[in-house]
Amino acid sequence: MFTGIVEDTGTVRERTETEDGLRLRIAVDGFDDLHHGQSISVSGVCLTVEEYGSGADAGGDGANSGDDDPDWFEVFLASETVAKTYLGKVVEGDAVNVERAMPADGRFDGHVVQGHVDTVAEVTAIERVGEDWRFTFSIPEGHEDYLVDKGSVTLDGISLTVAEKRGDEFDVAIIPTTYELTTLSEKSVGDPVHLEVDVIAKYVENMVEGYA
């Protein structure tokens, strides 16, 4: 489980397409506790660390040798993940939001985020409001009921609050820290974003349908 509090942005260093999907190597600073099999959120997509290493490693054989990145990890995206997210379109040099899974004794600062992307939305407007920013996103068909004013939503792995919902769009207010520390600062109108609705809404819907 994640909380939607992005720890850092990583940079795609390598992408390797295979018959079964896509493998990405991502460089990120300060992630010195990575291990094989660890869950990690990459722009809101829950993936599994397959290999990892550090630029401090030297000599020897294997994945930890001769890499200039400060810290790095590799993840594999199955064909279904490639089809349902936009990660299949990232290229070397692209930035991604990264968050490690929440430890049992960690502080819960965001909301319950599973890393199970529901759909891909689109940036429809960006406005500077004083020191803050106001982003507007599309609501893909079939997801309107899961978004409510002042409710939680996850966009590219970032825990955010719906400021206003209207029709097939919704707004979120972005403070300077979030803008600067995540990939939102690199987004433009028309860019895709991974959208994960609040899982609590799904459970409520399922229980209510059981009484219908």
N, C-alpha and C. Protein backbone atom coordinates (compact mmCIF):
# COMPACT_ATOMS: atom_id res chain seq x y z
N MET A 1 0.84 -1.19 0.00
CA MET A 1 0.00 0.00 0.00
C MET A 1 0.87 1.25 0.00
N PHE A 2 0.35 2.30 -0.62
CA PHE A 2 1.05 3.58 -0.67
C PHE A 2 0.16 4.66 -0.07
N THR A 3 0.72 5.85 0.08
CA THR A 3 -0.06 6.95 0.64
C THR A 3 -0.23 8.10 -0.34
N GLY A 4 0.46 8.06 -1.48
CA GLY A 4 0.34 9.14 -2.44
C GLY A 4 1.22 10.32 -2.11
N ILE A 5 2.15 10.14 -1.15
CA ILE A 5 3.12 11.19 -0.84
C ILE A 5 4.40 10.84 -1.60
N VAL A 6 4.58 11.46 -2.75
CA VAL A 6 5.72 11.15 -3.62
C VAL A 6 7.02 11.48 -2.91
N GLU A 7 7.96 10.52 -2.91
CA GLU A 7 9.23 10.74 -2.23
C GLU A 7 10.22 11.49 -3.09
N ASP A 8 10.18 11.21 -4.38
CA ASP A 8 11.16 11.84 -5.27
C ASP A 8 10.73 11.60 -6.72
N THR A 9 11.37 12.28 -7.64
CA THR A 9 11.17 11.95 -9.04
C THR A 9 12.40 11.20 -9.52
N GLY A 10 12.16 10.15 -10.27
CA GLY A 10 13.23 9.38 -10.86
C GLY A 10 13.33 9.69 -12.34
N THR A 11 14.39 9.20 -12.97
CA THR A 11 14.59 9.43 -14.40
C THR A 11 14.75 8.09 -15.11
N VAL A 12 13.99 7.92 -16.18
CA VAL A 12 14.09 6.69 -16.97
C VAL A 12 15.45 6.68 -17.66
N ARG A 13 16.27 5.67 -17.35
CA ARG A 13 17.61 5.56 -17.95
C ARG A 13 17.63 4.60 -19.12
N GLU A 14 16.86 3.53 -19.02
CA GLU A 14 16.83 2.54 -20.09
C GLU A 14 15.43 1.99 -20.22
N ARG A 15 15.03 1.64 -21.44
CA ARG A 15 13.79 0.93 -21.67
C ARG A 15 14.07 -0.19 -22.67
N THR A 16 13.59 -1.37 -22.33
CA THR A 16 13.84 -2.54 -23.16
C THR A 16 12.52 -3.24 -23.42
N GLU A 17 12.11 -3.26 -24.66
CA GLU A 17 10.87 -3.93 -25.02
C GLU A 17 11.12 -5.42 -25.23
N THR A 18 10.19 -6.23 -24.74
CA THR A 18 10.27 -7.68 -24.91
C THR A 18 8.95 -8.17 -25.49
N GLU A 19 8.88 -9.45 -25.80
CA GLU A 19 7.64 -10.02 -26.33
C GLU A 19 6.53 -9.98 -25.28
N ASP A 20 6.91 -9.97 -24.03
CA ASP A 20 5.91 -10.04 -22.95
C ASP A 20 5.59 -8.70 -22.32
N GLY A 21 6.35 -7.67 -22.64
CA GLY A 21 6.09 -6.38 -22.03
C GLY A 21 7.24 -5.41 -22.18
N LEU A 22 7.54 -4.70 -21.09
CA LEU A 22 8.54 -3.64 -21.14
C LEU A 22 9.33 -3.61 -19.83
N ARG A 23 10.64 -3.49 -19.93
CA ARG A 23 11.48 -3.36 -18.75
C ARG A 23 12.06 -1.94 -18.70
N LEU A 24 11.95 -1.31 -17.53
CA LEU A 24 12.47 0.05 -17.35
C LEU A 24 13.53 0.07 -16.26
N ARG A 25 14.62 0.78 -16.51
CA ARG A 25 15.59 1.07 -15.47
C ARG A 25 15.42 2.54 -15.09
N ILE A 26 15.26 2.79 -13.80
CA ILE A 26 14.95 4.14 -13.31
C ILE A 26 16.00 4.55 -12.28
N ALA A 27 16.59 5.72 -12.47
CA ALA A 27 17.56 6.27 -11.53
C ALA A 27 16.85 7.19 -10.55
N VAL A 28 17.21 7.08 -9.27
CA VAL A 28 16.60 7.91 -8.25
C VAL A 28 17.59 8.08 -7.11
N ASP A 29 17.61 9.24 -6.47
CA ASP A 29 18.56 9.53 -5.39
C ASP A 29 18.05 9.02 -4.05
N GLY A 30 18.96 8.47 -3.26
CA GLY A 30 18.68 8.19 -1.86
C GLY A 30 17.88 6.94 -1.56
N PHE A 31 17.59 6.11 -2.55
CA PHE A 31 16.83 4.89 -2.29
C PHE A 31 17.81 3.74 -2.06
N ASP A 32 18.45 3.73 -0.89
CA ASP A 32 19.50 2.76 -0.63
C ASP A 32 19.00 1.51 0.09
N ASP A 33 17.67 1.38 0.24
CA ASP A 33 17.12 0.21 0.93
C ASP A 33 16.30 -0.67 0.00
N LEU A 34 16.52 -0.55 -1.31
CA LEU A 34 15.75 -1.35 -2.25
C LEU A 34 16.16 -2.81 -2.18
N HIS A 35 15.20 -3.68 -2.47
CA HIS A 35 15.51 -5.10 -2.51
C HIS A 35 14.62 -5.81 -3.52
N HIS A 36 15.06 -6.95 -3.95
CA HIS A 36 14.32 -7.73 -4.94
C HIS A 36 12.93 -8.09 -4.41
N GLY A 37 11.92 -7.88 -5.25
CA GLY A 37 10.55 -8.21 -4.86
C GLY A 37 9.81 -7.10 -4.16
N GLN A 38 10.46 -5.97 -3.92
CA GLN A 38 9.84 -4.85 -3.22
C GLN A 38 8.82 -4.15 -4.12
N SER A 39 7.68 -3.77 -3.54
CA SER A 39 6.69 -3.00 -4.28
C SER A 39 7.11 -1.54 -4.33
N ILE A 40 6.92 -0.92 -5.48
CA ILE A 40 7.28 0.47 -5.64
C ILE A 40 6.31 1.12 -6.61
N SER A 41 5.91 2.36 -6.31
CA SER A 41 4.99 3.08 -7.17
C SER A 41 5.76 3.95 -8.14
N VAL A 42 5.50 3.74 -9.43
CA VAL A 42 6.12 4.55 -10.48
C VAL A 42 5.02 5.33 -11.18
N SER A 43 4.94 6.63 -10.87
CA SER A 43 3.87 7.49 -11.39
C SER A 43 2.51 6.86 -11.16
N GLY A 44 2.33 6.29 -9.98
CA GLY A 44 1.03 5.76 -9.59
C GLY A 44 0.78 4.32 -9.95
N VAL A 45 1.73 3.67 -10.61
CA VAL A 45 1.57 2.27 -10.99
C VAL A 45 2.39 1.39 -10.04
N CYS A 46 1.73 0.46 -9.36
CA CYS A 46 2.43 -0.43 -8.45
C CYS A 46 3.20 -1.47 -9.25
N LEU A 47 4.52 -1.47 -9.09
CA LEU A 47 5.39 -2.39 -9.81
C LEU A 47 6.31 -3.10 -8.81
N THR A 48 7.08 -4.05 -9.30
CA THR A 48 7.96 -4.84 -8.44
C THR A 48 9.41 -4.65 -8.84
N VAL A 49 10.25 -4.35 -7.84
CA VAL A 49 11.67 -4.19 -8.09
C VAL A 49 12.27 -5.55 -8.45
N GLU A 50 12.89 -5.65 -9.62
CA GLU A 50 13.52 -6.89 -10.05
C GLU A 50 15.03 -6.86 -9.80
N GLU A 51 15.65 -5.74 -10.12
CA GLU A 51 17.08 -5.55 -9.89
C GLU A 51 17.30 -4.14 -9.36
N TYR A 52 18.43 -3.93 -8.74
CA TYR A 52 18.71 -2.63 -8.17
C TYR A 52 20.22 -2.48 -8.01
N GLY A 53 20.67 -1.25 -7.86
CA GLY A 53 22.10 -1.02 -7.69
C GLY A 53 22.37 0.43 -7.37
N SER A 54 23.65 0.79 -7.30
CA SER A 54 24.04 2.14 -6.95
C SER A 54 25.28 2.53 -7.73
N GLY A 55 25.43 3.81 -7.99
CA GLY A 55 26.62 4.31 -8.65
C GLY A 55 27.86 4.10 -7.80
N ALA A 56 27.66 3.83 -6.49
CA ALA A 56 28.80 3.59 -5.60
C ALA A 56 29.36 2.20 -5.78
N ASP A 57 28.57 1.32 -6.41
CA ASP A 57 29.05 -0.04 -6.64
C ASP A 57 30.18 -0.03 -7.66
N ALA A 58 31.12 -0.86 -7.45
CA ALA A 58 32.25 -0.90 -8.39
C ALA A 58 32.76 -2.32 -8.52
N GLY A 59 33.12 -2.69 -9.74
CA GLY A 59 33.70 -4.00 -9.98
C GLY A 59 32.68 -5.11 -9.89
N GLY A 60 33.14 -6.33 -10.11
CA GLY A 60 32.25 -7.48 -10.01
C GLY A 60 31.42 -7.65 -11.25
N ASP A 61 30.53 -8.62 -11.17
CA ASP A 61 29.66 -8.93 -12.30
C ASP A 61 28.22 -8.60 -11.94
N GLY A 62 27.37 -8.59 -12.97
CA GLY A 62 25.95 -8.48 -12.73
C GLY A 62 25.46 -7.05 -12.77
N ALA A 63 24.19 -6.89 -12.30
CA ALA A 63 23.49 -5.62 -12.47
C ALA A 63 24.08 -4.50 -11.64
N ASN A 64 24.85 -4.81 -10.59
CA ASN A 64 25.36 -3.76 -9.71
C ASN A 64 26.72 -3.23 -10.14
N SER A 65 27.15 -3.55 -11.36
CA SER A 65 28.50 -3.18 -11.75
C SER A 65 28.53 -2.03 -12.73
N GLY A 66 29.42 -1.07 -12.48
CA GLY A 66 29.74 -0.06 -13.46
C GLY A 66 28.60 0.84 -13.86
N ASP A 67 27.64 1.09 -13.01
CA ASP A 67 26.53 1.97 -13.35
C ASP A 67 26.81 3.35 -12.76
N ASP A 68 26.62 4.38 -13.58
CA ASP A 68 26.93 5.73 -13.14
C ASP A 68 25.78 6.38 -12.37
N ASP A 69 24.60 5.78 -12.36
CA ASP A 69 23.47 6.36 -11.67
C ASP A 69 23.71 6.32 -10.16
N PRO A 70 23.23 7.33 -9.42
CA PRO A 70 23.41 7.33 -7.97
C PRO A 70 22.76 6.11 -7.33
N ASP A 71 21.52 5.84 -7.62
CA ASP A 71 20.82 4.63 -7.23
C ASP A 71 19.87 4.32 -8.38
N TRP A 72 19.60 3.05 -8.61
CA TRP A 72 18.70 2.70 -9.69
C TRP A 72 17.98 1.40 -9.38
N PHE A 73 16.87 1.20 -10.08
CA PHE A 73 16.15 -0.06 -9.96
C PHE A 73 15.49 -0.38 -11.29
N GLU A 74 15.22 -1.64 -11.49
CA GLU A 74 14.56 -2.08 -12.71
C GLU A 74 13.21 -2.70 -12.38
N VAL A 75 12.22 -2.42 -13.21
CA VAL A 75 10.88 -2.98 -13.05
C VAL A 75 10.43 -3.52 -14.40
N PHE A 76 9.53 -4.49 -14.35
CA PHE A 76 8.98 -5.07 -15.58
C PHE A 76 7.50 -4.78 -15.65
N LEU A 77 7.05 -4.30 -16.80
CA LEU A 77 5.64 -4.03 -17.04
C LEU A 77 5.09 -5.10 -17.98
N ALA A 78 4.14 -5.88 -17.48
CA ALA A 78 3.50 -6.88 -18.32
C ALA A 78 2.69 -6.19 -19.41
N SER A 79 2.30 -6.94 -20.43
CA SER A 79 1.58 -6.37 -21.57
C SER A 79 0.30 -5.65 -21.13
N GLU A 80 -0.41 -6.21 -20.15
CA GLU A 80 -1.64 -5.58 -19.67
C GLU A 80 -1.35 -4.22 -19.05
N THR A 81 -0.27 -4.13 -18.27
CA THR A 81 0.11 -2.85 -17.66
C THR A 81 0.47 -1.83 -18.72
N VAL A 82 1.20 -2.27 -19.74
CA VAL A 82 1.57 -1.38 -20.84
C VAL A 82 0.32 -0.86 -21.54
N ALA A 83 -0.68 -1.74 -21.72
CA ALA A 83 -1.89 -1.36 -22.43
C ALA A 83 -2.78 -0.41 -21.63
N LYS A 84 -2.77 -0.53 -20.29
CA LYS A 84 -3.70 0.24 -19.47
C LYS A 84 -3.09 1.49 -18.85
N THR A 85 -1.79 1.70 -19.05
CA THR A 85 -1.14 2.90 -18.54
C THR A 85 -0.39 3.58 -19.68
N TYR A 86 0.19 4.73 -19.40
CA TYR A 86 0.99 5.39 -20.43
C TYR A 86 2.49 5.12 -20.27
N LEU A 87 2.85 4.26 -19.32
CA LEU A 87 4.27 3.99 -19.10
C LEU A 87 4.92 3.34 -20.32
N GLY A 88 4.12 2.71 -21.15
CA GLY A 88 4.67 2.12 -22.36
C GLY A 88 5.19 3.16 -23.34
N LYS A 89 4.83 4.41 -23.12
CA LYS A 89 5.24 5.49 -24.03
C LYS A 89 6.38 6.34 -23.48
N VAL A 90 6.81 6.07 -22.25
CA VAL A 90 7.90 6.87 -21.70
C VAL A 90 9.20 6.54 -22.45
N VAL A 91 10.08 7.52 -22.51
CA VAL A 91 11.36 7.34 -23.19
C VAL A 91 12.48 7.69 -22.23
N GLU A 92 13.69 7.35 -22.60
CA GLU A 92 14.85 7.65 -21.76
C GLU A 92 14.94 9.16 -21.53
N GLY A 93 15.12 9.53 -20.28
CA GLY A 93 15.18 10.94 -19.91
C GLY A 93 13.90 11.46 -19.29
N ASP A 94 12.79 10.73 -19.46
CA ASP A 94 11.52 11.15 -18.87
C ASP A 94 11.57 11.01 -17.35
N ALA A 95 10.88 11.92 -16.66
CA ALA A 95 10.79 11.87 -15.21
C ALA A 95 9.54 11.12 -14.78
N VAL A 96 9.64 10.41 -13.67
CA VAL A 96 8.50 9.68 -13.11
C VAL A 96 8.47 9.91 -11.60
N ASN A 97 7.27 9.90 -11.03
CA ASN A 97 7.13 10.01 -9.58
C ASN A 97 7.39 8.66 -8.94
N VAL A 98 8.11 8.65 -7.82
CA VAL A 98 8.46 7.39 -7.17
C VAL A 98 8.10 7.45 -5.69
N GLU A 99 7.48 6.36 -5.22
CA GLU A 99 7.17 6.20 -3.79
C GLU A 99 7.34 4.74 -3.41
N ARG A 100 8.10 4.50 -2.35
CA ARG A 100 8.20 3.15 -1.82
C ARG A 100 6.95 2.82 -1.01
N ALA A 101 6.66 1.53 -0.87
CA ALA A 101 5.49 1.11 -0.10
C ALA A 101 5.60 1.61 1.34
N MET A 102 4.45 1.88 1.94
CA MET A 102 4.42 2.42 3.29
C MET A 102 4.79 1.35 4.31
N PRO A 103 5.75 1.62 5.21
CA PRO A 103 6.08 0.66 6.26
C PRO A 103 4.97 0.62 7.31
N ALA A 104 4.88 -0.49 8.03
CA ALA A 104 3.81 -0.66 9.01
C ALA A 104 3.86 0.40 10.11
N ASP A 105 5.06 0.90 10.41
CA ASP A 105 5.19 1.91 11.47
C ASP A 105 5.37 3.31 10.89
N GLY A 106 5.00 3.49 9.63
CA GLY A 106 5.19 4.79 8.98
C GLY A 106 4.06 5.77 9.28
N ARG A 107 4.31 7.03 8.98
CA ARG A 107 3.31 8.07 9.17
C ARG A 107 2.38 8.10 7.95
N PHE A 108 1.08 8.13 8.19
CA PHE A 108 0.09 8.12 7.12
C PHE A 108 -0.30 9.56 6.80
N ASP A 109 0.34 10.15 5.79
CA ASP A 109 0.11 11.55 5.48
C ASP A 109 -0.85 11.78 4.32
N GLY A 110 -1.07 10.80 3.48
CA GLY A 110 -1.93 10.99 2.33
C GLY A 110 -3.26 10.28 2.51
N HIS A 111 -3.58 9.35 1.59
CA HIS A 111 -4.75 8.49 1.76
C HIS A 111 -4.41 7.11 1.21
N VAL A 112 -5.31 6.17 1.34
CA VAL A 112 -5.03 4.80 0.90
C VAL A 112 -4.89 4.75 -0.62
N VAL A 113 -3.68 4.43 -1.08
CA VAL A 113 -3.39 4.35 -2.51
C VAL A 113 -2.87 2.94 -2.79
N GLN A 114 -3.49 2.25 -3.72
CA GLN A 114 -3.10 0.88 -4.02
C GLN A 114 -2.07 0.78 -5.15
N GLY A 115 -2.02 1.80 -5.99
CA GLY A 115 -1.15 1.71 -7.15
C GLY A 115 -1.80 0.94 -8.28
N HIS A 116 -3.12 0.77 -8.20
CA HIS A 116 -3.89 0.09 -9.24
C HIS A 116 -4.60 1.16 -10.07
N VAL A 117 -4.00 1.54 -11.16
CA VAL A 117 -4.53 2.62 -11.98
C VAL A 117 -5.88 2.24 -12.56
N ASP A 118 -6.88 3.11 -12.39
CA ASP A 118 -8.21 2.84 -12.92
C ASP A 118 -8.35 3.25 -14.37
N THR A 119 -7.71 4.36 -14.73
CA THR A 119 -7.85 4.86 -16.08
C THR A 119 -6.79 5.92 -16.33
N VAL A 120 -6.68 6.36 -17.56
CA VAL A 120 -5.77 7.44 -17.92
C VAL A 120 -6.59 8.67 -18.26
N ALA A 121 -6.38 9.75 -17.50
CA ALA A 121 -7.07 11.01 -17.75
C ALA A 121 -6.13 11.93 -18.53
N GLU A 122 -6.58 13.16 -18.74
CA GLU A 122 -5.80 14.11 -19.54
C GLU A 122 -5.81 15.48 -18.88
N VAL A 123 -4.69 16.17 -18.93
CA VAL A 123 -4.63 17.56 -18.45
C VAL A 123 -5.38 18.43 -19.46
N THR A 124 -6.40 19.15 -18.99
CA THR A 124 -7.17 20.00 -19.90
C THR A 124 -6.93 21.50 -19.69
N ALA A 125 -6.35 21.86 -18.53
CA ALA A 125 -6.04 23.27 -18.30
C ALA A 125 -5.06 23.39 -17.14
N ILE A 126 -4.21 24.41 -17.20
CA ILE A 126 -3.26 24.71 -16.14
C ILE A 126 -3.28 26.22 -15.92
N GLU A 127 -3.49 26.63 -14.67
CA GLU A 127 -3.57 28.07 -14.37
C GLU A 127 -2.74 28.40 -13.14
N ARG A 128 -1.96 29.44 -13.22
CA ARG A 128 -1.20 29.91 -12.06
C ARG A 128 -2.11 30.80 -11.22
N VAL A 129 -2.22 30.50 -9.94
CA VAL A 129 -3.07 31.26 -9.03
C VAL A 129 -2.22 31.72 -7.86
N GLY A 130 -1.69 32.94 -7.94
CA GLY A 130 -0.77 33.41 -6.91
C GLY A 130 0.48 32.55 -6.91
N GLU A 131 0.80 31.98 -5.76
CA GLU A 131 1.95 31.08 -5.67
C GLU A 131 1.58 29.64 -5.98
N ASP A 132 0.29 29.37 -6.08
CA ASP A 132 -0.19 28.01 -6.31
C ASP A 132 -0.53 27.79 -7.80
N TRP A 133 -0.97 26.58 -8.08
CA TRP A 133 -1.39 26.22 -9.43
C TRP A 133 -2.73 25.53 -9.36
N ARG A 134 -3.51 25.70 -10.40
CA ARG A 134 -4.79 24.99 -10.52
C ARG A 134 -4.76 24.15 -11.79
N PHE A 135 -4.84 22.86 -11.61
CA PHE A 135 -4.84 21.93 -12.74
C PHE A 135 -6.25 21.40 -12.96
N THR A 136 -6.63 21.28 -14.21
CA THR A 136 -7.92 20.70 -14.57
C THR A 136 -7.66 19.42 -15.36
N PHE A 137 -8.41 18.38 -15.01
CA PHE A 137 -8.25 17.08 -15.66
C PHE A 137 -9.59 16.58 -16.19
N SER A 138 -9.53 15.78 -17.23
CA SER A 138 -10.73 15.16 -17.76
C SER A 138 -11.16 14.02 -16.85
N ILE A 139 -12.44 13.68 -16.89
CA ILE A 139 -12.95 12.51 -16.18
C ILE A 139 -13.37 11.50 -17.24
N PRO A 140 -12.59 10.46 -17.43
CA PRO A 140 -12.95 9.45 -18.43
C PRO A 140 -14.33 8.86 -18.13
N GLU A 141 -15.04 8.49 -19.17
CA GLU A 141 -16.39 7.95 -19.04
C GLU A 141 -16.42 6.75 -18.10
N GLY A 142 -17.42 6.74 -17.23
CA GLY A 142 -17.59 5.64 -16.29
C GLY A 142 -16.96 5.86 -14.94
N HIS A 143 -16.26 6.98 -14.77
CA HIS A 143 -15.59 7.25 -13.50
C HIS A 143 -16.14 8.50 -12.79
N GLU A 144 -17.20 9.06 -13.33
CA GLU A 144 -17.75 10.30 -12.76
C GLU A 144 -18.20 10.13 -11.31
N ASP A 145 -18.82 9.01 -10.99
CA ASP A 145 -19.40 8.84 -9.65
C ASP A 145 -18.36 8.63 -8.56
N TYR A 146 -17.13 8.34 -8.94
CA TYR A 146 -16.10 8.08 -7.94
C TYR A 146 -15.37 9.35 -7.49
N LEU A 147 -15.68 10.46 -8.12
CA LEU A 147 -15.03 11.73 -7.77
C LEU A 147 -16.06 12.68 -7.18
N VAL A 148 -15.74 13.23 -6.01
CA VAL A 148 -16.64 14.16 -5.34
C VAL A 148 -15.84 15.36 -4.86
N ASP A 149 -16.50 16.50 -4.73
CA ASP A 149 -15.83 17.69 -4.22
C ASP A 149 -15.23 17.41 -2.85
N LYS A 150 -13.99 17.80 -2.68
CA LYS A 150 -13.21 17.64 -1.45
C LYS A 150 -12.87 16.17 -1.16
N GLY A 151 -13.08 15.30 -2.13
CA GLY A 151 -12.71 13.91 -1.97
C GLY A 151 -11.28 13.66 -2.42
N SER A 152 -10.75 12.50 -2.07
CA SER A 152 -9.37 12.16 -2.43
C SER A 152 -9.30 11.55 -3.82
N VAL A 153 -8.20 11.81 -4.50
CA VAL A 153 -7.94 11.24 -5.81
C VAL A 153 -6.43 11.11 -5.97
N THR A 154 -5.99 10.11 -6.71
CA THR A 154 -4.57 9.93 -6.96
C THR A 154 -4.28 10.18 -8.42
N LEU A 155 -3.35 11.07 -8.70
CA LEU A 155 -2.97 11.41 -10.06
C LEU A 155 -1.47 11.23 -10.22
N ASP A 156 -1.06 10.30 -11.07
CA ASP A 156 0.35 9.97 -11.25
C ASP A 156 1.03 9.65 -9.92
N GLY A 157 0.26 9.00 -9.04
CA GLY A 157 0.80 8.59 -7.75
C GLY A 157 0.78 9.65 -6.68
N ILE A 158 0.18 10.81 -6.96
CA ILE A 158 0.15 11.93 -6.01
C ILE A 158 -1.22 11.98 -5.34
N SER A 159 -1.24 11.96 -4.03
CA SER A 159 -2.48 12.10 -3.29
C SER A 159 -2.95 13.55 -3.33
N LEU A 160 -4.13 13.77 -3.91
CA LEU A 160 -4.64 15.13 -4.08
C LEU A 160 -6.11 15.19 -3.66
N THR A 161 -6.61 16.41 -3.55
CA THR A 161 -8.00 16.64 -3.18
C THR A 161 -8.75 17.31 -4.33
N VAL A 162 -9.92 16.80 -4.63
CA VAL A 162 -10.73 17.40 -5.69
C VAL A 162 -11.24 18.75 -5.19
N ALA A 163 -10.82 19.82 -5.84
CA ALA A 163 -11.25 21.16 -5.45
C ALA A 163 -12.64 21.46 -5.98
N GLU A 164 -12.91 21.03 -7.20
CA GLU A 164 -14.22 21.25 -7.80
C GLU A 164 -14.42 20.25 -8.93
N LYS A 165 -15.62 19.70 -8.97
CA LYS A 165 -15.99 18.77 -10.04
C LYS A 165 -17.17 19.36 -10.80
N ARG A 166 -17.08 19.31 -12.13
CA ARG A 166 -18.17 19.82 -12.95
C ARG A 166 -18.18 19.07 -14.28
N GLY A 167 -19.31 18.49 -14.58
CA GLY A 167 -19.42 17.77 -15.83
C GLY A 167 -18.40 16.66 -15.95
N ASP A 168 -17.61 16.73 -17.01
CA ASP A 168 -16.61 15.69 -17.27
C ASP A 168 -15.20 16.17 -16.97
N GLU A 169 -15.08 17.15 -16.04
CA GLU A 169 -13.78 17.65 -15.63
C GLU A 169 -13.75 17.87 -14.13
N PHE A 170 -12.52 17.94 -13.57
CA PHE A 170 -12.39 18.31 -12.17
C PHE A 170 -11.07 19.06 -11.97
N ASP A 171 -11.04 19.89 -10.94
CA ASP A 171 -9.87 20.71 -10.64
C ASP A 171 -9.20 20.23 -9.36
N VAL A 172 -7.90 20.44 -9.29
CA VAL A 172 -7.15 20.24 -8.05
C VAL A 172 -6.24 21.44 -7.86
N ALA A 173 -6.04 21.83 -6.61
CA ALA A 173 -5.13 22.92 -6.29
C ALA A 173 -3.77 22.33 -5.94
N ILE A 174 -2.72 22.87 -6.53
CA ILE A 174 -1.37 22.35 -6.33
C ILE A 174 -0.51 23.40 -5.63
N ILE A 175 0.01 23.05 -4.46
CA ILE A 175 0.88 23.98 -3.73
C ILE A 175 2.28 23.93 -4.34
N PRO A 176 3.10 24.95 -4.10
CA PRO A 176 4.44 24.99 -4.70
C PRO A 176 5.28 23.75 -4.44
N THR A 177 5.24 23.21 -3.21
CA THR A 177 6.06 22.04 -2.90
C THR A 177 5.69 20.85 -3.78
N THR A 178 4.40 20.59 -3.92
CA THR A 178 3.96 19.48 -4.77
C THR A 178 4.33 19.73 -6.22
N TYR A 179 4.18 20.96 -6.66
CA TYR A 179 4.51 21.31 -8.05
C TYR A 179 5.99 21.08 -8.34
N GLU A 180 6.83 21.47 -7.40
CA GLU A 180 8.27 21.40 -7.63
C GLU A 180 8.85 20.00 -7.44
N LEU A 181 8.25 19.20 -6.55
CA LEU A 181 8.82 17.90 -6.21
C LEU A 181 8.23 16.74 -7.00
N THR A 182 7.27 17.00 -7.86
CA THR A 182 6.67 15.94 -8.66
C THR A 182 6.74 16.30 -10.14
N THR A 183 6.26 15.40 -10.96
CA THR A 183 6.30 15.62 -12.42
C THR A 183 5.23 16.58 -12.89
N LEU A 184 4.38 17.08 -12.00
CA LEU A 184 3.36 18.03 -12.42
C LEU A 184 3.98 19.28 -13.05
N SER A 185 5.18 19.63 -12.60
CA SER A 185 5.85 20.82 -13.15
C SER A 185 6.22 20.64 -14.62
N GLU A 186 6.21 19.39 -15.10
CA GLU A 186 6.57 19.11 -16.48
C GLU A 186 5.36 18.82 -17.35
N LYS A 187 4.16 18.85 -16.76
CA LYS A 187 2.96 18.55 -17.50
C LYS A 187 2.48 19.74 -18.32
N SER A 188 1.90 19.44 -19.46
CA SER A 188 1.29 20.45 -20.32
C SER A 188 -0.13 20.01 -20.67
N VAL A 189 -0.93 20.93 -21.16
CA VAL A 189 -2.29 20.59 -21.58
C VAL A 189 -2.22 19.51 -22.66
N GLY A 190 -3.02 18.48 -22.48
CA GLY A 190 -3.02 17.37 -23.41
C GLY A 190 -2.23 16.17 -22.95
N ASP A 191 -1.40 16.34 -21.91
CA ASP A 191 -0.60 15.23 -21.40
C ASP A 191 -1.47 14.24 -20.62
N PRO A 192 -1.09 12.96 -20.63
CA PRO A 192 -1.85 11.96 -19.88
C PRO A 192 -1.43 11.90 -18.42
N VAL A 193 -2.33 11.44 -17.57
CA VAL A 193 -2.03 11.20 -16.15
C VAL A 193 -2.74 9.93 -15.72
N HIS A 194 -2.11 9.16 -14.85
CA HIS A 194 -2.74 7.98 -14.29
C HIS A 194 -3.71 8.41 -13.20
N LEU A 195 -4.93 7.93 -13.28
CA LEU A 195 -5.95 8.27 -12.30
C LEU A 195 -6.37 7.03 -11.53
N GLU A 196 -6.27 7.12 -10.20
CA GLU A 196 -6.78 6.07 -9.32
C GLU A 196 -7.78 6.71 -8.38
N VAL A 197 -9.02 6.23 -8.43
CA VAL A 197 -10.05 6.79 -7.55
C VAL A 197 -9.88 6.23 -6.15
N ASP A 198 -10.56 6.84 -5.20
CA ASP A 198 -10.50 6.39 -3.81
C ASP A 198 -11.13 5.00 -3.71
N VAL A 199 -10.36 4.02 -3.27
CA VAL A 199 -10.85 2.64 -3.21
C VAL A 199 -12.04 2.50 -2.28
N ILE A 200 -12.19 3.40 -1.29
CA ILE A 200 -13.33 3.33 -0.38
C ILE A 200 -14.63 3.50 -1.16
N ALA A 201 -14.61 4.37 -2.19
CA ALA A 201 -15.81 4.58 -3.01
C ALA A 201 -16.21 3.29 -3.72
N LYS A 202 -15.23 2.50 -4.12
CA LYS A 202 -15.53 1.24 -4.81
C LYS A 202 -16.19 0.25 -3.85
N TYR A 203 -15.69 0.18 -2.62
CA TYR A 203 -16.28 -0.73 -1.65
C TYR A 203 -17.71 -0.31 -1.31
N VAL A 204 -17.92 0.99 -1.16
CA VAL A 204 -19.27 1.49 -0.87
C VAL A 204 -20.21 1.13 -2.02
N GLU A 205 -19.78 1.34 -3.24
CA GLU A 205 -20.60 1.01 -4.40
C GLU A 205 -20.95 -0.47 -4.41
N ASN A 206 -19.95 -1.29 -4.14
CA ASN A 206 -20.17 -2.74 -4.17
C ASN A 206 -21.18 -3.17 -3.10
N MET A 207 -21.08 -2.58 -1.91
CA MET A 207 -22.00 -2.94 -0.83
C MET A 207 -23.41 -2.45 -1.11
N VAL A 208 -23.53 -1.25 -1.65
CA VAL A 208 -24.83 -0.70 -1.96
C VAL A 208 -25.52 -1.52 -3.06
N GLU A 209 -24.76 -1.93 -4.05
CA GLU A 209 -25.32 -2.74 -5.13
C GLU A 209 -25.86 -4.06 -4.59
N GLY A 210 -25.24 -4.56 -3.52
CA GLY A 210 -25.70 -5.81 -2.94
C GLY A 210 -27.07 -5.73 -2.32
N TYR A 211 -27.49 -4.49 -1.98
CA TYR A 211 -28.81 -4.29 -1.37
C TYR A 211 -29.84 -3.81 -2.38
N ALA A 212 -29.41 -3.60 -3.63
CA ALA A 212 -30.33 -3.08 -4.64
C ALA A 212 -31.33 -4.15 -5.07
